Structures are given as C-alpha cells and as structure tokens.
Amino acid sequence: NLTKEEWEEKRKQVEAIKAEEQERKFKAALDRSHIPLMYQNASL
C-alpha cells in the first residue's frame, strides 16, 4: 500500500540499480578490451 510518490521512488531505485550494473559490465568489458587508458574516452 504505497502512495504514487513512493512507487515512483521505488522505480527510480530499481532503475539506478540497473544502471549501476550496466556500468559495471561496461567497465569490465572496457578493461578486457585493453584500450589504453588515454583513449578509453575516445568518441566517434
């Protein structure tokens, strides 16, 4: 029995957890790629 605001806060928490997990996986993949540190932010 949560209010609309509480449900919205729960949704944000879940999204934040998902984003953290995606960032963790991306960093792990970036490390495995062996792209040199000075080029790890290289952008198209």
PDB file of all heavy atoms in Angstrom:
ATOM      1  N   ASN A   1       0.850  -1.195   0.000  1.00  0.00           N
ATOM      2  CA  ASN A   1       0.000   0.000   0.000  1.00  0.00           C
ATOM      3  C   ASN A   1       0.887   1.247   0.000  1.00  0.00           C
ATOM      4  O   ASN A   1       1.164   1.837   1.046  1.00  0.00           O
ATOM      5  CB  ASN A   1      -0.922  -0.016   1.223  1.00  0.00           C
ATOM      6  CG  ASN A   1      -1.936   1.110   1.167  1.00  0.00           C
ATOM      7  OD1 ASN A   1      -2.223   1.640   0.090  1.00  0.00           O
ATOM      8  ND2 ASN A   1      -2.462   1.485   2.323  1.00  0.00           N
ATOM      9  N   LEU A   2       1.352   1.601  -1.207  1.00  0.00           N
ATOM     10  CA  LEU A   2       2.251   2.738  -1.323  1.00  0.00           C
ATOM     11  C   LEU A   2       1.571   3.873  -2.073  1.00  0.00           C
ATOM     12  O   LEU A   2       0.696   3.656  -2.916  1.00  0.00           O
ATOM     13  CB  LEU A   2       3.526   2.335  -2.082  1.00  0.00           C
ATOM     14  CG  LEU A   2       4.359   1.204  -1.458  1.00  0.00           C
ATOM     15  CD1 LEU A   2       5.516   0.876  -2.383  1.00  0.00           C
ATOM     16  CD2 LEU A   2       4.853   1.582  -0.071  1.00  0.00           C
ATOM     17  N   THR A   3       2.020   5.055  -1.770  1.00  0.00           N
ATOM     18  CA  THR A   3       1.500   6.215  -2.492  1.00  0.00           C
ATOM     19  C   THR A   3       2.140   6.285  -3.879  1.00  0.00           C
ATOM     20  O   THR A   3       3.121   5.601  -4.160  1.00  0.00           O
ATOM     21  CB  THR A   3       1.812   7.514  -1.739  1.00  0.00           C
ATOM     22  OG1 THR A   3       3.242   7.698  -1.709  1.00  0.00           O
ATOM     23  CG2 THR A   3       1.284   7.468  -0.314  1.00  0.00           C
ATOM     24  N   LYS A   4       1.606   7.116  -4.727  1.00  0.00           N
ATOM     25  CA  LYS A   4       2.154   7.292  -6.080  1.00  0.00           C
ATOM     26  C   LYS A   4       3.601   7.760  -6.004  1.00  0.00           C
ATOM     27  O   LYS A   4       4.455   7.306  -6.777  1.00  0.00           O
ATOM     28  CB  LYS A   4       1.308   8.320  -6.833  1.00  0.00           C
ATOM     29  CG  LYS A   4       1.744   8.529  -8.266  1.00  0.00           C
ATOM     30  CD  LYS A   4       0.836   9.534  -8.963  1.00  0.00           C
ATOM     31  CE  LYS A   4       1.283   9.744 -10.399  1.00  0.00           C
ATOM     32  NZ  LYS A   4       0.405  10.722 -11.105  1.00  0.00           N
ATOM     33  N   GLU A   5       3.884   8.645  -5.078  1.00  0.00           N
ATOM     34  CA  GLU A   5       5.241   9.160  -4.909  1.00  0.00           C
ATOM     35  C   GLU A   5       6.192   8.064  -4.446  1.00  0.00           C
ATOM     36  O   GLU A   5       7.346   7.997  -4.889  1.00  0.00           O
ATOM     37  CB  GLU A   5       5.260  10.312  -3.898  1.00  0.00           C
ATOM     38  CG  GLU A   5       4.600  11.587  -4.363  1.00  0.00           C
ATOM     39  CD  GLU A   5       3.088  11.511  -4.349  1.00  0.00           C
ATOM     40  OE1 GLU A   5       2.543  10.551  -3.712  1.00  0.00           O
ATOM     41  OE2 GLU A   5       2.441  12.364  -4.978  1.00  0.00           O
ATOM     42  N   GLU A   6       5.715   7.179  -3.575  1.00  0.00           N
ATOM     43  CA  GLU A   6       6.549   6.085  -3.074  1.00  0.00           C
ATOM     44  C   GLU A   6       6.838   5.076  -4.185  1.00  0.00           C
ATOM     45  O   GLU A   6       7.948   4.552  -4.285  1.00  0.00           O
ATOM     46  CB  GLU A   6       5.870   5.403  -1.884  1.00  0.00           C
ATOM     47  CG  GLU A   6       5.868   6.262  -0.618  1.00  0.00           C
ATOM     48  CD  GLU A   6       5.016   5.667   0.489  1.00  0.00           C
ATOM     49  OE1 GLU A   6       4.040   4.957   0.177  1.00  0.00           O
ATOM     50  OE2 GLU A   6       5.330   5.918   1.670  1.00  0.00           O
ATOM     51  N   TRP A   7       5.825   4.806  -5.030  1.00  0.00           N
ATOM     52  CA  TRP A   7       6.040   3.913  -6.165  1.00  0.00           C
ATOM     53  C   TRP A   7       7.072   4.495  -7.129  1.00  0.00           C
ATOM     54  O   TRP A   7       7.915   3.780  -7.669  1.00  0.00           O
ATOM     55  CB  TRP A   7       4.727   3.667  -6.917  1.00  0.00           C
ATOM     56  CG  TRP A   7       3.874   2.591  -6.324  1.00  0.00           C
ATOM     57  CD1 TRP A   7       2.648   2.718  -5.754  1.00  0.00           C
ATOM     58  CD2 TRP A   7       4.206   1.193  -6.234  1.00  0.00           C
ATOM     59  NE1 TRP A   7       2.181   1.501  -5.308  1.00  0.00           N
ATOM     60  CE2 TRP A   7       3.124   0.551  -5.589  1.00  0.00           C
ATOM     61  CE3 TRP A   7       5.314   0.438  -6.624  1.00  0.00           C
ATOM     62  CZ2 TRP A   7       3.122  -0.823  -5.344  1.00  0.00           C
ATOM     63  CZ3 TRP A   7       5.304  -0.923  -6.375  1.00  0.00           C
ATOM     64  CH2 TRP A   7       4.219  -1.548  -5.738  1.00  0.00           C
ATOM     65  N   GLU A   8       6.996   5.797  -7.329  1.00  0.00           N
ATOM     66  CA  GLU A   8       7.939   6.463  -8.222  1.00  0.00           C
ATOM     67  C   GLU A   8       9.355   6.372  -7.663  1.00  0.00           C
ATOM     68  O   GLU A   8      10.321   6.156  -8.411  1.00  0.00           O
ATOM     69  CB  GLU A   8       7.545   7.925  -8.411  1.00  0.00           C
ATOM     70  CG  GLU A   8       8.477   8.738  -9.301  1.00  0.00           C
ATOM     71  CD  GLU A   8       8.547   8.234 -10.723  1.00  0.00           C
ATOM     72  OE1 GLU A   8       7.648   7.485 -11.144  1.00  0.00           O
ATOM     73  OE2 GLU A   8       9.518   8.590 -11.430  1.00  0.00           O
ATOM     74  N   GLU A   9       9.492   6.500  -6.356  1.00  0.00           N
ATOM     75  CA  GLU A   9      10.792   6.387  -5.713  1.00  0.00           C
ATOM     76  C   GLU A   9      11.336   4.966  -5.846  1.00  0.00           C
ATOM     77  O   GLU A   9      12.534   4.776  -6.110  1.00  0.00           O
ATOM     78  CB  GLU A   9      10.671   6.759  -4.231  1.00  0.00           C
ATOM     79  CG  GLU A   9      11.997   6.739  -3.465  1.00  0.00           C
ATOM     80  CD  GLU A   9      13.015   7.739  -4.005  1.00  0.00           C
ATOM     81  OE1 GLU A   9      12.603   8.773  -4.574  1.00  0.00           O
ATOM     82  OE2 GLU A   9      14.225   7.468  -3.852  1.00  0.00           O
ATOM     83  N   LYS A  10      10.464   3.968  -5.696  1.00  0.00           N
ATOM     84  CA  LYS A  10      10.875   2.576  -5.874  1.00  0.00           C
ATOM     85  C   LYS A  10      11.363   2.333  -7.300  1.00  0.00           C
ATOM     86  O   LYS A  10      12.374   1.662  -7.528  1.00  0.00           O
ATOM     87  CB  LYS A  10       9.705   1.636  -5.565  1.00  0.00           C
ATOM     88  CG  LYS A  10       9.331   1.526  -4.102  1.00  0.00           C
ATOM     89  CD  LYS A  10      10.359   0.700  -3.348  1.00  0.00           C
ATOM     90  CE  LYS A  10       9.926   0.478  -1.910  1.00  0.00           C
ATOM     91  NZ  LYS A  10      10.957  -0.272  -1.136  1.00  0.00           N
ATOM     92  N   ARG A  11      10.628   2.899  -8.274  1.00  0.00           N
ATOM     93  CA  ARG A  11      11.006   2.732  -9.674  1.00  0.00           C
ATOM     94  C   ARG A  11      12.383   3.331  -9.941  1.00  0.00           C
ATOM     95  O   ARG A  11      13.222   2.732 -10.625  1.00  0.00           O
ATOM     96  CB  ARG A  11       9.965   3.398 -10.580  1.00  0.00           C
ATOM     97  CG  ARG A  11      10.205   3.189 -12.077  1.00  0.00           C
ATOM     98  CD  ARG A  11       9.329   4.085 -12.917  1.00  0.00           C
ATOM     99  NE  ARG A  11       9.693   5.484 -12.751  1.00  0.00           N
ATOM    100  CZ  ARG A  11      10.741   6.050 -13.349  1.00  0.00           C
ATOM    101  NH1 ARG A  11      11.551   5.333 -14.125  1.00  0.00           N
ATOM    102  NH2 ARG A  11      11.009   7.322 -13.162  1.00  0.00           N
ATOM    103  N   LYS A  12      12.635   4.504  -9.380  1.00  0.00           N
ATOM    104  CA  LYS A  12      13.922   5.160  -9.550  1.00  0.00           C
ATOM    105  C   LYS A  12      15.050   4.329  -8.941  1.00  0.00           C
ATOM    106  O   LYS A  12      16.148   4.248  -9.494  1.00  0.00           O
ATOM    107  CB  LYS A  12      13.893   6.549  -8.926  1.00  0.00           C
ATOM    108  CG  LYS A  12      13.045   7.564  -9.681  1.00  0.00           C
ATOM    109  CD  LYS A  12      13.086   8.919  -9.015  1.00  0.00           C
ATOM    110  CE  LYS A  12      12.250   9.938  -9.773  1.00  0.00           C
ATOM    111  NZ  LYS A  12      12.276  11.272  -9.113  1.00  0.00           N
ATOM    112  N   GLN A  13      14.776   3.718  -7.794  1.00  0.00           N
ATOM    113  CA  GLN A  13      15.784   2.891  -7.140  1.00  0.00           C
ATOM    114  C   GLN A  13      16.145   1.677  -7.998  1.00  0.00           C
ATOM    115  O   GLN A  13      17.324   1.326  -8.136  1.00  0.00           O
ATOM    116  CB  GLN A  13      15.278   2.433  -5.775  1.00  0.00           C
ATOM    117  CG  GLN A  13      15.182   3.550  -4.745  1.00  0.00           C
ATOM    118  CD  GLN A  13      14.566   3.086  -3.437  1.00  0.00           C
ATOM    119  OE1 GLN A  13      14.209   1.919  -3.280  1.00  0.00           O
ATOM    120  NE2 GLN A  13      14.432   4.003  -2.485  1.00  0.00           N
ATOM    121  N   VAL A  14      15.114   1.051  -8.584  1.00  0.00           N
ATOM    122  CA  VAL A  14      15.338  -0.106  -9.453  1.00  0.00           C
ATOM    123  C   VAL A  14      16.139   0.305 -10.690  1.00  0.00           C
ATOM    124  O   VAL A  14      17.074  -0.383 -11.098  1.00  0.00           O
ATOM    125  CB  VAL A  14      14.002  -0.745  -9.873  1.00  0.00           C
ATOM    126  CG1 VAL A  14      14.227  -1.799 -10.960  1.00  0.00           C
ATOM    127  CG2 VAL A  14      13.310  -1.375  -8.678  1.00  0.00           C
ATOM    128  N   GLU A  15      15.783   1.446 -11.291  1.00  0.00           N
ATOM    129  CA  GLU A  15      16.493   1.945 -12.473  1.00  0.00           C
ATOM    130  C   GLU A  15      17.945   2.270 -12.144  1.00  0.00           C
ATOM    131  O   GLU A  15      18.852   2.028 -12.949  1.00  0.00           O
ATOM    132  CB  GLU A  15      15.791   3.188 -13.029  1.00  0.00           C
ATOM    133  CG  GLU A  15      14.432   2.914 -13.657  1.00  0.00           C
ATOM    134  CD  GLU A  15      14.520   1.964 -14.834  1.00  0.00           C
ATOM    135  OE1 GLU A  15      15.481   2.075 -15.615  1.00  0.00           O
ATOM    136  OE2 GLU A  15      13.636   1.107 -14.954  1.00  0.00           O
ATOM    137  N   ALA A  16      18.163   2.810 -10.938  1.00  0.00           N
ATOM    138  CA  ALA A  16      19.525   3.145 -10.518  1.00  0.00           C
ATOM    139  C   ALA A  16      20.375   1.881 -10.361  1.00  0.00           C
ATOM    140  O   ALA A  16      21.549   1.846 -10.756  1.00  0.00           O
ATOM    141  CB  ALA A  16      19.496   3.923  -9.210  1.00  0.00           C
ATOM    142  N   ILE A  17      19.773   0.827  -9.816  1.00  0.00           N
ATOM    143  CA  ILE A  17      20.476  -0.444  -9.648  1.00  0.00           C
ATOM    144  C   ILE A  17      20.828  -1.032 -11.012  1.00  0.00           C
ATOM    145  O   ILE A  17      21.940  -1.519 -11.233  1.00  0.00           O
ATOM    146  CB  ILE A  17      19.620  -1.434  -8.843  1.00  0.00           C
ATOM    147  CG1 ILE A  17      19.486  -0.943  -7.383  1.00  0.00           C
ATOM    148  CG2 ILE A  17      20.225  -2.831  -8.866  1.00  0.00           C
ATOM    149  CD1 ILE A  17      18.516  -1.744  -6.547  1.00  0.00           C
ATOM    150  N   LYS A  18      19.876  -0.964 -11.941  1.00  0.00           N
ATOM    151  CA  LYS A  18      20.116  -1.472 -13.296  1.00  0.00           C
ATOM    152  C   LYS A  18      21.236  -0.688 -13.974  1.00  0.00           C
ATOM    153  O   LYS A  18      22.102  -1.269 -14.638  1.00  0.00           O
ATOM    154  CB  LYS A  18      18.838  -1.372 -14.130  1.00  0.00           C
ATOM    155  CG  LYS A  18      17.760  -2.376 -13.755  1.00  0.00           C
ATOM    156  CD  LYS A  18      16.562  -2.220 -14.676  1.00  0.00           C
ATOM    157  CE  LYS A  18      15.479  -3.233 -14.351  1.00  0.00           C
ATOM    158  NZ  LYS A  18      14.279  -3.061 -15.238  1.00  0.00           N
ATOM    159  N   ALA A  19      21.226   0.638 -13.818  1.00  0.00           N
ATOM    160  CA  ALA A  19      22.244   1.487 -14.436  1.00  0.00           C
ATOM    161  C   ALA A  19      23.624   1.181 -13.865  1.00  0.00           C
ATOM    162  O   ALA A  19      24.623   1.135 -14.599  1.00  0.00           O
ATOM    163  CB  ALA A  19      21.903   2.959 -14.221  1.00  0.00           C
ATOM    164  N   GLU A  20      23.705   0.965 -12.552  1.00  0.00           N
ATOM    165  CA  GLU A  20      24.974   0.624 -11.909  1.00  0.00           C
ATOM    166  C   GLU A  20      25.516  -0.705 -12.430  1.00  0.00           C
ATOM    167  O   GLU A  20      26.715  -0.853 -12.673  1.00  0.00           O
ATOM    168  CB  GLU A  20      24.795   0.557 -10.393  1.00  0.00           C
ATOM    169  CG  GLU A  20      24.607   1.920  -9.734  1.00  0.00           C
ATOM    170  CD  GLU A  20      24.379   1.806  -8.238  1.00  0.00           C
ATOM    171  OE1 GLU A  20      24.445   0.661  -7.723  1.00  0.00           O
ATOM    172  OE2 GLU A  20      24.135   2.839  -7.588  1.00  0.00           O
ATOM    173  N   GLU A  21      24.615  -1.672 -12.620  1.00  0.00           N
ATOM    174  CA  GLU A  21      25.024  -2.980 -13.115  1.00  0.00           C
ATOM    175  C   GLU A  21      25.513  -2.878 -14.564  1.00  0.00           C
ATOM    176  O   GLU A  21      26.520  -3.496 -14.938  1.00  0.00           O
ATOM    177  CB  GLU A  21      23.852  -3.965 -13.028  1.00  0.00           C
ATOM    178  CG  GLU A  21      24.148  -5.368 -13.542  1.00  0.00           C
ATOM    179  CD  GLU A  21      25.237  -6.082 -12.770  1.00  0.00           C
ATOM    180  OE1 GLU A  21      25.611  -5.620 -11.666  1.00  0.00           O
ATOM    181  OE2 GLU A  21      25.728  -7.115 -13.263  1.00  0.00           O
ATOM    182  N   GLN A  22      24.819  -2.089 -15.378  1.00  0.00           N
ATOM    183  CA  GLN A  22      25.248  -1.887 -16.762  1.00  0.00           C
ATOM    184  C   GLN A  22      26.610  -1.196 -16.824  1.00  0.00           C
ATOM    185  O   GLN A  22      27.460  -1.558 -17.638  1.00  0.00           O
ATOM    186  CB  GLN A  22      24.202  -1.053 -17.517  1.00  0.00           C
ATOM    187  CG  GLN A  22      22.911  -1.801 -17.794  1.00  0.00           C
ATOM    188  CD  GLN A  22      21.866  -0.937 -18.472  1.00  0.00           C
ATOM    189  OE1 GLN A  22      22.012   0.285 -18.561  1.00  0.00           O
ATOM    190  NE2 GLN A  22      20.802  -1.554 -18.938  1.00  0.00           N
ATOM    191  N   GLU A  23      26.818  -0.220 -15.942  1.00  0.00           N
ATOM    192  CA  GLU A  23      28.095   0.487 -15.899  1.00  0.00           C
ATOM    193  C   GLU A  23      29.216  -0.447 -15.456  1.00  0.00           C
ATOM    194  O   GLU A  23      30.327  -0.400 -15.994  1.00  0.00           O
ATOM    195  CB  GLU A  23      27.992   1.668 -14.929  1.00  0.00           C
ATOM    196  CG  GLU A  23      29.261   2.502 -14.806  1.00  0.00           C
ATOM    197  CD  GLU A  23      29.616   3.237 -16.087  1.00  0.00           C
ATOM    198  OE1 GLU A  23      28.760   3.347 -16.981  1.00  0.00           O
ATOM    199  OE2 GLU A  23      30.767   3.706 -16.187  1.00  0.00           O
ATOM    200  N   ARG A  24      28.919  -1.316 -14.497  1.00  0.00           N
ATOM    201  CA  ARG A  24      29.916  -2.280 -14.031  1.00  0.00           C
ATOM    202  C   ARG A  24      30.319  -3.228 -15.160  1.00  0.00           C
ATOM    203  O   ARG A  24      31.505  -3.497 -15.378  1.00  0.00           O
ATOM    204  CB  ARG A  24      29.355  -3.086 -12.855  1.00  0.00           C
ATOM    205  CG  ARG A  24      30.360  -4.054 -12.222  1.00  0.00           C
ATOM    206  CD  ARG A  24      29.685  -5.005 -11.265  1.00  0.00           C
ATOM    207  NE  ARG A  24      28.790  -5.910 -11.956  1.00  0.00           N
ATOM    208  CZ  ARG A  24      29.190  -6.978 -12.651  1.00  0.00           C
ATOM    209  NH1 ARG A  24      30.481  -7.258 -12.746  1.00  0.00           N
ATOM    210  NH2 ARG A  24      28.314  -7.758 -13.233  1.00  0.00           N
ATOM    211  N   LYS A  25      29.328  -3.728 -15.902  1.00  0.00           N
ATOM    212  CA  LYS A  25      29.604  -4.642 -17.010  1.00  0.00           C
ATOM    213  C   LYS A  25      30.385  -3.936 -18.113  1.00  0.00           C
ATOM    214  O   LYS A  25      31.285  -4.523 -18.723  1.00  0.00           O
ATOM    215  CB  LYS A  25      28.294  -5.206 -17.564  1.00  0.00           C
ATOM    216  CG  LYS A  25      27.601  -6.189 -16.636  1.00  0.00           C
ATOM    217  CD  LYS A  25      26.325  -6.725 -17.266  1.00  0.00           C
ATOM    218  CE  LYS A  25      25.662  -7.753 -16.365  1.00  0.00           C
ATOM    219  NZ  LYS A  25      24.399  -8.286 -16.954  1.00  0.00           N
ATOM    220  N   PHE A  26      30.033  -2.653 -18.373  1.00  0.00           N
ATOM    221  CA  PHE A  26      30.735  -1.904 -19.409  1.00  0.00           C
ATOM    222  C   PHE A  26      32.199  -1.703 -19.029  1.00  0.00           C
ATOM    223  O   PHE A  26      33.096  -1.896 -19.860  1.00  0.00           O
ATOM    224  CB  PHE A  26      30.066  -0.547 -19.635  1.00  0.00           C
ATOM    225  CG  PHE A  26      30.784   0.311 -20.643  1.00  0.00           C
ATOM    226  CD1 PHE A  26      30.577   0.119 -22.004  1.00  0.00           C
ATOM    227  CD2 PHE A  26      31.674   1.297 -20.242  1.00  0.00           C
ATOM    228  CE1 PHE A  26      31.254   0.892 -22.945  1.00  0.00           C
ATOM    229  CE2 PHE A  26      32.350   2.072 -21.172  1.00  0.00           C
ATOM    230  CZ  PHE A  26      32.131   1.872 -22.528  1.00  0.00           C
ATOM    231  N   LYS A  27      32.468  -1.329 -17.785  1.00  0.00           N
ATOM    232  CA  LYS A  27      33.841  -1.106 -17.339  1.00  0.00           C
ATOM    233  C   LYS A  27      34.652  -2.392 -17.399  1.00  0.00           C
ATOM    234  O   LYS A  27      35.839  -2.376 -17.751  1.00  0.00           O
ATOM    235  CB  LYS A  27      33.847  -0.534 -15.918  1.00  0.00           C
ATOM    236  CG  LYS A  27      33.397   0.925 -15.846  1.00  0.00           C
ATOM    237  CD  LYS A  27      33.475   1.458 -14.430  1.00  0.00           C
ATOM    238  CE  LYS A  27      33.098   2.935 -14.382  1.00  0.00           C
ATOM    239  NZ  LYS A  27      33.153   3.487 -13.007  1.00  0.00           N
ATOM    240  N   ALA A  28      34.013  -3.519 -17.048  1.00  0.00           N
ATOM    241  CA  ALA A  28      34.705  -4.804 -17.111  1.00  0.00           C
ATOM    242  C   ALA A  28      35.068  -5.141 -18.562  1.00  0.00           C
ATOM    243  O   ALA A  28      36.170  -5.601 -18.857  1.00  0.00           O
ATOM    244  CB  ALA A  28      33.829  -5.905 -16.515  1.00  0.00           C
ATOM    245  N   ALA A  29      34.123  -4.885 -19.468  1.00  0.00           N
ATOM    246  CA  ALA A  29      34.379  -5.143 -20.896  1.00  0.00           C
ATOM    247  C   ALA A  29      35.449  -4.196 -21.433  1.00  0.00           C
ATOM    248  O   ALA A  29      36.273  -4.584 -22.272  1.00  0.00           O
ATOM    249  CB  ALA A  29      33.081  -4.989 -21.691  1.00  0.00           C
ATOM    250  N   LEU A  30      35.450  -2.958 -20.945  1.00  0.00           N
ATOM    251  CA  LEU A  30      36.448  -1.976 -21.367  1.00  0.00           C
ATOM    252  C   LEU A  30      37.842  -2.407 -20.919  1.00  0.00           C
ATOM    253  O   LEU A  30      38.821  -2.287 -21.668  1.00  0.00           O
ATOM    254  CB  LEU A  30      36.099  -0.603 -20.805  1.00  0.00           C
ATOM    255  CG  LEU A  30      36.941   0.592 -21.285  1.00  0.00           C
ATOM    256  CD1 LEU A  30      36.801   0.763 -22.798  1.00  0.00           C
ATOM    257  CD2 LEU A  30      36.503   1.869 -20.562  1.00  0.00           C
ATOM    258  N   ASP A  31      37.942  -2.920 -19.701  1.00  0.00           N
ATOM    259  CA  ASP A  31      39.224  -3.430 -19.202  1.00  0.00           C
ATOM    260  C   ASP A  31      39.710  -4.600 -20.053  1.00  0.00           C
ATOM    261  O   ASP A  31      40.896  -4.686 -20.384  1.00  0.00           O
ATOM    262  CB  ASP A  31      39.093  -3.876 -17.741  1.00  0.00           C
ATOM    263  CG  ASP A  31      38.991  -2.707 -16.776  1.00  0.00           C
ATOM    264  OD1 ASP A  31      39.358  -1.587 -17.163  1.00  0.00           O
ATOM    265  OD2 ASP A  31      38.519  -2.919 -15.644  1.00  0.00           O
ATOM    266  N   ARG A  32      38.799  -5.493 -20.405  1.00  0.00           N
ATOM    267  CA  ARG A  32      39.175  -6.665 -21.208  1.00  0.00           C
ATOM    268  C   ARG A  32      39.613  -6.267 -22.616  1.00  0.00           C
ATOM    269  O   ARG A  32      40.379  -6.994 -23.254  1.00  0.00           O
ATOM    270  CB  ARG A  32      38.005  -7.657 -21.297  1.00  0.00           C
ATOM    271  CG  ARG A  32      37.698  -8.386 -19.997  1.00  0.00           C
ATOM    272  CD  ARG A  32      36.773  -9.561 -20.237  1.00  0.00           C
ATOM    273  NE  ARG A  32      35.476  -9.147 -20.774  1.00  0.00           N
ATOM    274  CZ  ARG A  32      34.435  -8.803 -20.045  1.00  0.00           C
ATOM    275  NH1 ARG A  32      34.523  -8.817 -18.713  1.00  0.00           N
ATOM    276  NH2 ARG A  32      33.299  -8.460 -20.612  1.00  0.00           N
ATOM    277  N   SER A  33      39.135  -5.122 -23.100  1.00  0.00           N
ATOM    278  CA  SER A  33      39.468  -4.688 -24.457  1.00  0.00           C
ATOM    279  C   SER A  33      40.926  -4.256 -24.589  1.00  0.00           C
ATOM    280  O   SER A  33      41.466  -4.214 -25.687  1.00  0.00           O
ATOM    281  CB  SER A  33      38.562  -3.525 -24.876  1.00  0.00           C
ATOM    282  OG  SER A  33      38.956  -2.311 -24.250  1.00  0.00           O
ATOM    283  N   HIS A  34      41.552  -3.892 -23.451  1.00  0.00           N
ATOM    284  CA  HIS A  34      42.942  -3.408 -23.423  1.00  0.00           C
ATOM    285  C   HIS A  34      43.123  -2.099 -24.186  1.00  0.00           C
ATOM    286  O   HIS A  34      44.250  -1.777 -24.597  1.00  0.00           O
ATOM    287  CB  HIS A  34      43.911  -4.467 -23.954  1.00  0.00           C
ATOM    288  CG  HIS A  34      44.226  -5.523 -22.940  1.00  0.00           C
ATOM    289  ND1 HIS A  34      45.469  -6.090 -22.796  1.00  0.00           N
ATOM    290  CD2 HIS A  34      43.455  -6.117 -22.004  1.00  0.00           C
ATOM    291  CE1 HIS A  34      45.457  -6.979 -21.825  1.00  0.00           C
ATOM    292  NE2 HIS A  34      44.231  -7.012 -21.335  1.00  0.00           N
ATOM    293  N   ILE A  35      42.045  -1.335 -24.363  1.00  0.00           N
ATOM    294  CA  ILE A  35      42.200   0.004 -24.920  1.00  0.00           C
ATOM    295  C   ILE A  35      43.018   0.829 -23.932  1.00  0.00           C
ATOM    296  O   ILE A  35      42.698   0.858 -22.744  1.00  0.00           O
ATOM    297  CB  ILE A  35      40.826   0.671 -25.148  1.00  0.00           C
ATOM    298  CG1 ILE A  35      40.034  -0.097 -26.214  1.00  0.00           C
ATOM    299  CG2 ILE A  35      40.989   2.134 -25.576  1.00  0.00           C
ATOM    300  CD1 ILE A  35      38.620   0.423 -26.416  1.00  0.00           C
ATOM    301  N   PRO A  36      44.098   1.482 -24.376  1.00  0.00           N
ATOM    302  CA  PRO A  36      44.931   2.263 -23.452  1.00  0.00           C
ATOM    303  C   PRO A  36      44.111   3.313 -22.705  1.00  0.00           C
ATOM    304  O   PRO A  36      43.136   3.860 -23.245  1.00  0.00           O
ATOM    305  CB  PRO A  36      45.955   2.932 -24.381  1.00  0.00           C
ATOM    306  CG  PRO A  36      46.035   2.029 -25.559  1.00  0.00           C
ATOM    307  CD  PRO A  36      44.642   1.497 -25.750  1.00  0.00           C
ATOM    308  N   LEU A  37      44.513   3.583 -21.467  1.00  0.00           N
ATOM    309  CA  LEU A  37      43.763   4.487 -20.600  1.00  0.00           C
ATOM    310  C   LEU A  37      43.511   5.847 -21.251  1.00  0.00           C
ATOM    311  O   LEU A  37      42.414   6.405 -21.141  1.00  0.00           O
ATOM    312  CB  LEU A  37      44.517   4.673 -19.280  1.00  0.00           C
ATOM    313  CG  LEU A  37      43.791   5.470 -18.182  1.00  0.00           C
ATOM    314  CD1 LEU A  37      42.480   4.791 -17.807  1.00  0.00           C
ATOM    315  CD2 LEU A  37      44.689   5.611 -16.953  1.00  0.00           C
ATOM    316  N   MET A  38      44.506   6.383 -21.953  1.00  0.00           N
ATOM    317  CA  MET A  38      44.356   7.711 -22.529  1.00  0.00           C
ATOM    318  C   MET A  38      43.345   7.753 -23.673  1.00  0.00           C
ATOM    319  O   MET A  38      42.921   8.827 -24.093  1.00  0.00           O
ATOM    320  CB  MET A  38      45.708   8.246 -23.005  1.00  0.00           C
ATOM    321  CG  MET A  38      46.274   7.583 -24.230  1.00  0.00           C
ATOM    322  SD  MET A  38      47.866   8.321 -24.727  1.00  0.00           S
ATOM    323  CE  MET A  38      47.367   9.988 -25.131  1.00  0.00           C
ATOM    324  N   TYR A  39      42.944   6.565 -24.165  1.00  0.00           N
ATOM    325  CA  TYR A  39      41.963   6.511 -25.257  1.00  0.00           C
ATOM    326  C   TYR A  39      40.636   5.892 -24.834  1.00  0.00           C
ATOM    327  O   TYR A  39      39.763   5.674 -25.668  1.00  0.00           O
ATOM    328  CB  TYR A  39      42.529   5.712 -26.435  1.00  0.00           C
ATOM    329  CG  TYR A  39      43.750   6.341 -27.059  1.00  0.00           C
ATOM    330  CD1 TYR A  39      44.992   5.713 -26.972  1.00  0.00           C
ATOM    331  CD2 TYR A  39      43.671   7.555 -27.733  1.00  0.00           C
ATOM    332  CE1 TYR A  39      46.124   6.281 -27.550  1.00  0.00           C
ATOM    333  CE2 TYR A  39      44.799   8.131 -28.299  1.00  0.00           C
ATOM    334  CZ  TYR A  39      46.015   7.486 -28.207  1.00  0.00           C
ATOM    335  OH  TYR A  39      47.123   8.061 -28.772  1.00  0.00           O
ATOM    336  N   GLN A  40      40.478   5.628 -23.548  1.00  0.00           N
ATOM    337  CA  GLN A  40      39.262   4.943 -23.112  1.00  0.00           C
ATOM    338  C   GLN A  40      38.012   5.813 -23.193  1.00  0.00           C
ATOM    339  O   GLN A  40      36.891   5.293 -23.096  1.00  0.00           O
ATOM    340  CB  GLN A  40      39.441   4.394 -21.696  1.00  0.00           C
ATOM    341  CG  GLN A  40      40.347   3.177 -21.654  1.00  0.00           C
ATOM    342  CD  GLN A  40      40.392   2.506 -20.305  1.00  0.00           C
ATOM    343  OE1 GLN A  40      39.729   2.924 -19.348  1.00  0.00           O
ATOM    344  NE2 GLN A  40      41.176   1.439 -20.200  1.00  0.00           N
ATOM    345  N   ASN A  41      38.193   7.111 -23.354  1.00  0.00           N
ATOM    346  CA  ASN A  41      37.039   8.002 -23.547  1.00  0.00           C
ATOM    347  C   ASN A  41      36.936   8.493 -24.991  1.00  0.00           C
ATOM    348  O   ASN A  41      36.181   9.431 -25.279  1.00  0.00           O
ATOM    349  CB  ASN A  41      37.122   9.204 -22.595  1.00  0.00           C
ATOM    350  CG  ASN A  41      36.896   8.803 -21.147  1.00  0.00           C
ATOM    351  OD1 ASN A  41      36.045   7.976 -20.844  1.00  0.00           O
ATOM    352  ND2 ASN A  41      37.680   9.374 -20.244  1.00  0.00           N
ATOM    353  N   ALA A  42      37.693   7.866 -25.892  1.00  0.00           N
ATOM    354  CA  ALA A  42      37.658   8.271 -27.301  1.00  0.00           C
ATOM    355  C   ALA A  42      36.239   8.167 -27.837  1.00  0.00           C
ATOM    356  O   ALA A  42      35.545   7.178 -27.603  1.00  0.00           O
ATOM    357  CB  ALA A  42      38.604   7.401 -28.115  1.00  0.00           C
ATOM    358  N   SER A  43      35.814   9.185 -28.559  1.00  0.00           N
ATOM    359  CA  SER A  43      34.433   9.235 -29.048  1.00  0.00           C
ATOM    360  C   SER A  43      34.396   9.457 -30.553  1.00  0.00           C
ATOM    361  O   SER A  43      35.178  10.246 -31.103  1.00  0.00           O
ATOM    362  CB  SER A  43      33.665  10.360 -28.345  1.00  0.00           C
ATOM    363  OG  SER A  43      32.405  10.569 -28.947  1.00  0.00           O
ATOM    364  N   LEU A  44      33.464   8.798 -31.209  1.00  0.00           N
ATOM    365  CA  LEU A  44      33.271   8.984 -32.647  1.00  0.00           C
ATOM    366  C   LEU A  44      32.840  10.409 -32.973  1.00  0.00           C
ATOM    367  O   LEU A  44      33.011  10.869 -34.107  1.00  0.00           O
ATOM    368  CB  LEU A  44      32.228   7.995 -33.168  1.00  0.00           C
ATOM    369  CG  LEU A  44      32.655   6.520 -33.199  1.00  0.00           C
ATOM    370  CD1 LEU A  44      31.465   5.630 -33.521  1.00  0.00           C
ATOM    371  CD2 LEU A  44      33.770   6.310 -34.213  1.00  0.00           C
TER     372      LEU A  44
END
